[in-house]
Amino acid sequence: MMRTCQNTILNITDSLLKLQTEVSSLKDTNEILREIAEKHPASARTLKVKGGIPVNEDALSTVQGIIEQKLALSIEVVKATRNEDDSITFEAGSLDDKVQIIKAAKEKLRYSRIYLTY
């Protein structure tokens, strides 16, 4: 019984060390990606929405409505421009806002006619 407990503790310790290494690696990767994003701030915050969106409404209000109503987020859009193909390119206030929008869209727009590109 004691031997089984020791083996279990060793396995758990090994797993925790591997997870700690992975978390550290992810933190490093995140830091590098943020540095890259700082060098290209416009693209780091730009997204595009297309599909089942109203074509005759103001671009900014349309995107803000999608973010608030469809994605259930309180994120303010900095600017939005309607494109010739009726899609809308818009800019979030920060990289973190962009990431939140992408995460929410992957979950909440999965079966929607509206889709987001980034």
C-alpha atoms as a PDB file:
ATOM      1  CA  MET A   1       0.000   0.000   0.000  1.00  0.00           C
ATOM      2  CA  MET A   2       2.801   2.401   0.938  1.00  0.00           C
ATOM      3  CA  ARG A   3       4.596   1.592  -2.318  1.00  0.00           C
ATOM      4  CA  THR A   4       1.464   2.429  -4.340  1.00  0.00           C
ATOM      5  CA  CYS A   5       1.127   5.786  -2.573  1.00  0.00           C
ATOM      6  CA  GLN A   6       4.771   6.617  -3.236  1.00  0.00           C
ATOM      7  CA  ASN A   7       4.414   5.753  -6.923  1.00  0.00           C
ATOM      8  CA  THR A   8       1.261   7.829  -7.163  1.00  0.00           C
ATOM      9  CA  ILE A   9       2.972  10.813  -5.542  1.00  0.00           C
ATOM     10  CA  LEU A  10       5.947  10.458  -7.898  1.00  0.00           C
ATOM     11  CA  ASN A  11       3.615  10.308 -10.921  1.00  0.00           C
ATOM     12  CA  ILE A  12       1.712  13.363  -9.740  1.00  0.00           C
ATOM     13  CA  THR A  13       4.932  15.269  -9.092  1.00  0.00           C
ATOM     14  CA  ASP A  14       6.224  14.362 -12.546  1.00  0.00           C
ATOM     15  CA  SER A  15       2.953  15.487 -14.146  1.00  0.00           C
ATOM     16  CA  LEU A  16       3.019  18.778 -12.238  1.00  0.00           C
ATOM     17  CA  LEU A  17       6.602  19.467 -13.337  1.00  0.00           C
ATOM     18  CA  LYS A  18       5.655  18.799 -16.970  1.00  0.00           C
ATOM     19  CA  LEU A  19       2.653  21.123 -16.655  1.00  0.00           C
ATOM     20  CA  GLN A  20       4.814  23.805 -15.069  1.00  0.00           C
ATOM     21  CA  THR A  21       7.261  23.568 -17.985  1.00  0.00           C
ATOM     22  CA  GLU A  22       4.395  23.803 -20.467  1.00  0.00           C
ATOM     23  CA  VAL A  23       2.892  26.841 -18.705  1.00  0.00           C
ATOM     24  CA  SER A  24       6.285  28.533 -18.716  1.00  0.00           C
ATOM     25  CA  SER A  25       6.689  27.845 -22.434  1.00  0.00           C
ATOM     26  CA  LEU A  26       3.209  29.238 -23.145  1.00  0.00           C
ATOM     27  CA  LYS A  27       4.024  32.393 -21.162  1.00  0.00           C
ATOM     28  CA  ASP A  28       7.189  32.873 -23.214  1.00  0.00           C
ATOM     29  CA  THR A  29       5.283  32.334 -26.465  1.00  0.00           C
ATOM     30  CA  ASN A  30       2.573  34.771 -25.372  1.00  0.00           C
ATOM     31  CA  GLU A  31       5.186  37.408 -24.552  1.00  0.00           C
ATOM     32  CA  ILE A  32       6.841  37.000 -27.963  1.00  0.00           C
ATOM     33  CA  LEU A  33       3.515  37.235 -29.787  1.00  0.00           C
ATOM     34  CA  ARG A  34       2.625  40.387 -27.864  1.00  0.00           C
ATOM     35  CA  GLU A  35       5.976  41.943 -28.832  1.00  0.00           C
ATOM     36  CA  ILE A  36       5.263  41.140 -32.477  1.00  0.00           C
ATOM     37  CA  ALA A  37       1.768  42.602 -32.150  1.00  0.00           C
ATOM     38  CA  GLU A  38       3.161  45.830 -30.685  1.00  0.00           C
ATOM     39  CA  LYS A  39       5.266  46.267 -33.820  1.00  0.00           C
ATOM     40  CA  HIS A  40       2.140  45.992 -36.000  1.00  0.00           C
ATOM     41  CA  PRO A  41      -0.632  47.487 -33.841  1.00  0.00           C
ATOM     42  CA  ALA A  42      -3.243  47.926 -36.576  1.00  0.00           C
ATOM     43  CA  SER A  43      -3.183  44.294 -37.689  1.00  0.00           C
ATOM     44  CA  ALA A  44      -2.994  43.148 -34.070  1.00  0.00           C
ATOM     45  CA  ARG A  45      -6.444  44.651 -33.463  1.00  0.00           C
ATOM     46  CA  THR A  46      -8.139  44.222 -36.878  1.00  0.00           C
ATOM     47  CA  LEU A  47     -10.901  41.708 -37.592  1.00  0.00           C
ATOM     48  CA  LYS A  48     -13.448  41.176 -40.341  1.00  0.00           C
ATOM     49  CA  VAL A  49     -17.049  40.064 -40.063  1.00  0.00           C
ATOM     50  CA  LYS A  50     -19.123  38.793 -42.964  1.00  0.00           C
ATOM     51  CA  GLY A  51     -22.086  36.606 -43.704  1.00  0.00           C
ATOM     52  CA  GLY A  52     -25.578  37.300 -42.410  1.00  0.00           C
ATOM     53  CA  ILE A  53     -25.047  40.934 -41.466  1.00  0.00           C
ATOM     54  CA  PRO A  54     -27.349  43.834 -42.379  1.00  0.00           C
ATOM     55  CA  VAL A  55     -26.074  45.609 -45.488  1.00  0.00           C
ATOM     56  CA  ASN A  56     -27.848  48.952 -45.096  1.00  0.00           C
ATOM     57  CA  GLU A  57     -26.859  49.755 -41.519  1.00  0.00           C
ATOM     58  CA  ASP A  58     -23.918  51.761 -40.286  1.00  0.00           C
ATOM     59  CA  ALA A  59     -20.788  49.561 -40.094  1.00  0.00           C
ATOM     60  CA  LEU A  60     -19.817  50.628 -36.579  1.00  0.00           C
ATOM     61  CA  SER A  61     -23.305  50.067 -35.119  1.00  0.00           C
ATOM     62  CA  THR A  62     -23.611  46.724 -36.888  1.00  0.00           C
ATOM     63  CA  VAL A  63     -20.347  45.405 -35.459  1.00  0.00           C
ATOM     64  CA  GLN A  64     -21.020  46.859 -32.016  1.00  0.00           C
ATOM     65  CA  GLY A  65     -24.433  45.167 -32.046  1.00  0.00           C
ATOM     66  CA  ILE A  66     -22.927  41.802 -32.995  1.00  0.00           C
ATOM     67  CA  ILE A  67     -20.343  42.070 -30.231  1.00  0.00           C
ATOM     68  CA  GLU A  68     -22.898  43.030 -27.593  1.00  0.00           C
ATOM     69  CA  GLN A  69     -25.888  40.921 -28.652  1.00  0.00           C
ATOM     70  CA  LYS A  70     -24.434  37.846 -30.367  1.00  0.00           C
ATOM     71  CA  LEU A  71     -21.171  37.560 -28.433  1.00  0.00           C
ATOM     72  CA  ALA A  72     -22.421  38.986 -25.109  1.00  0.00           C
ATOM     73  CA  LEU A  73     -19.319  41.140 -24.677  1.00  0.00           C
ATOM     74  CA  SER A  74     -18.881  44.737 -23.537  1.00  0.00           C
ATOM     75  CA  ILE A  75     -16.066  45.699 -25.860  1.00  0.00           C
ATOM     76  CA  GLU A  76     -16.009  48.966 -27.719  1.00  0.00           C
ATOM     77  CA  VAL A  77     -15.088  48.987 -31.394  1.00  0.00           C
ATOM     78  CA  VAL A  78     -12.617  51.748 -32.320  1.00  0.00           C
ATOM     79  CA  LYS A  79     -13.587  51.999 -35.989  1.00  0.00           C
ATOM     80  CA  ALA A  80     -15.393  49.997 -38.642  1.00  0.00           C
ATOM     81  CA  THR A  81     -15.510  50.179 -42.436  1.00  0.00           C
ATOM     82  CA  ARG A  82     -17.871  48.426 -44.803  1.00  0.00           C
ATOM     83  CA  ASN A  83     -16.107  46.721 -47.706  1.00  0.00           C
ATOM     84  CA  GLU A  84     -17.289  46.321 -51.301  1.00  0.00           C
ATOM     85  CA  ASP A  85     -18.303  42.708 -50.617  1.00  0.00           C
ATOM     86  CA  ASP A  86     -20.574  43.938 -47.750  1.00  0.00           C
ATOM     87  CA  SER A  87     -18.220  42.529 -45.124  1.00  0.00           C
ATOM     88  CA  ILE A  88     -17.050  44.881 -42.378  1.00  0.00           C
ATOM     89  CA  THR A  89     -13.450  45.349 -41.306  1.00  0.00           C
ATOM     90  CA  PHE A  90     -13.179  46.675 -37.785  1.00  0.00           C
ATOM     91  CA  GLU A  91     -10.632  47.471 -35.130  1.00  0.00           C
ATOM     92  CA  ALA A  92     -10.830  46.466 -31.491  1.00  0.00           C
ATOM     93  CA  GLY A  93      -9.282  48.706 -28.859  1.00  0.00           C
ATOM     94  CA  SER A  94      -6.551  46.271 -27.883  1.00  0.00           C
ATOM     95  CA  LEU A  95      -5.056  42.879 -28.603  1.00  0.00           C
ATOM     96  CA  ASP A  96      -6.795  41.518 -25.500  1.00  0.00           C
ATOM     97  CA  ASP A  97     -10.152  42.765 -26.823  1.00  0.00           C
ATOM     98  CA  LYS A  98      -9.444  41.069 -30.153  1.00  0.00           C
ATOM     99  CA  VAL A  99      -8.632  37.786 -28.410  1.00  0.00           C
ATOM    100  CA  GLN A 100     -11.861  37.973 -26.360  1.00  0.00           C
ATOM    101  CA  ILE A 101     -13.895  38.621 -29.516  1.00  0.00           C
ATOM    102  CA  ILE A 102     -12.265  35.686 -31.331  1.00  0.00           C
ATOM    103  CA  LYS A 103     -12.849  33.308 -28.406  1.00  0.00           C
ATOM    104  CA  ALA A 104     -16.495  34.334 -28.085  1.00  0.00           C
ATOM    105  CA  ALA A 105     -17.063  34.127 -31.861  1.00  0.00           C
ATOM    106  CA  LYS A 106     -15.618  30.615 -32.054  1.00  0.00           C
ATOM    107  CA  GLU A 107     -18.135  29.490 -29.463  1.00  0.00           C
ATOM    108  CA  LYS A 108     -21.204  31.627 -30.145  1.00  0.00           C
ATOM    109  CA  LEU A 109     -21.087  32.034 -33.921  1.00  0.00           C
ATOM    110  CA  ARG A 110     -20.281  28.390 -34.613  1.00  0.00           C
ATOM    111  CA  TYR A 111     -23.694  27.679 -36.176  1.00  0.00           C
ATOM    112  CA  SER A 112     -24.422  31.215 -37.342  1.00  0.00           C
ATOM    113  CA  ARG A 113     -24.396  32.665 -40.845  1.00  0.00           C
ATOM    114  CA  ILE A 114     -22.136  35.374 -39.441  1.00  0.00           C
ATOM    115  CA  TYR A 115     -18.466  34.547 -39.337  1.00  0.00           C
ATOM    116  CA  LEU A 116     -15.352  36.304 -38.225  1.00  0.00           C
ATOM    117  CA  THR A 117     -11.925  36.317 -39.828  1.00  0.00           C
ATOM    118  CA  TYR A 118      -8.767  37.577 -38.206  1.00  0.00           C
END
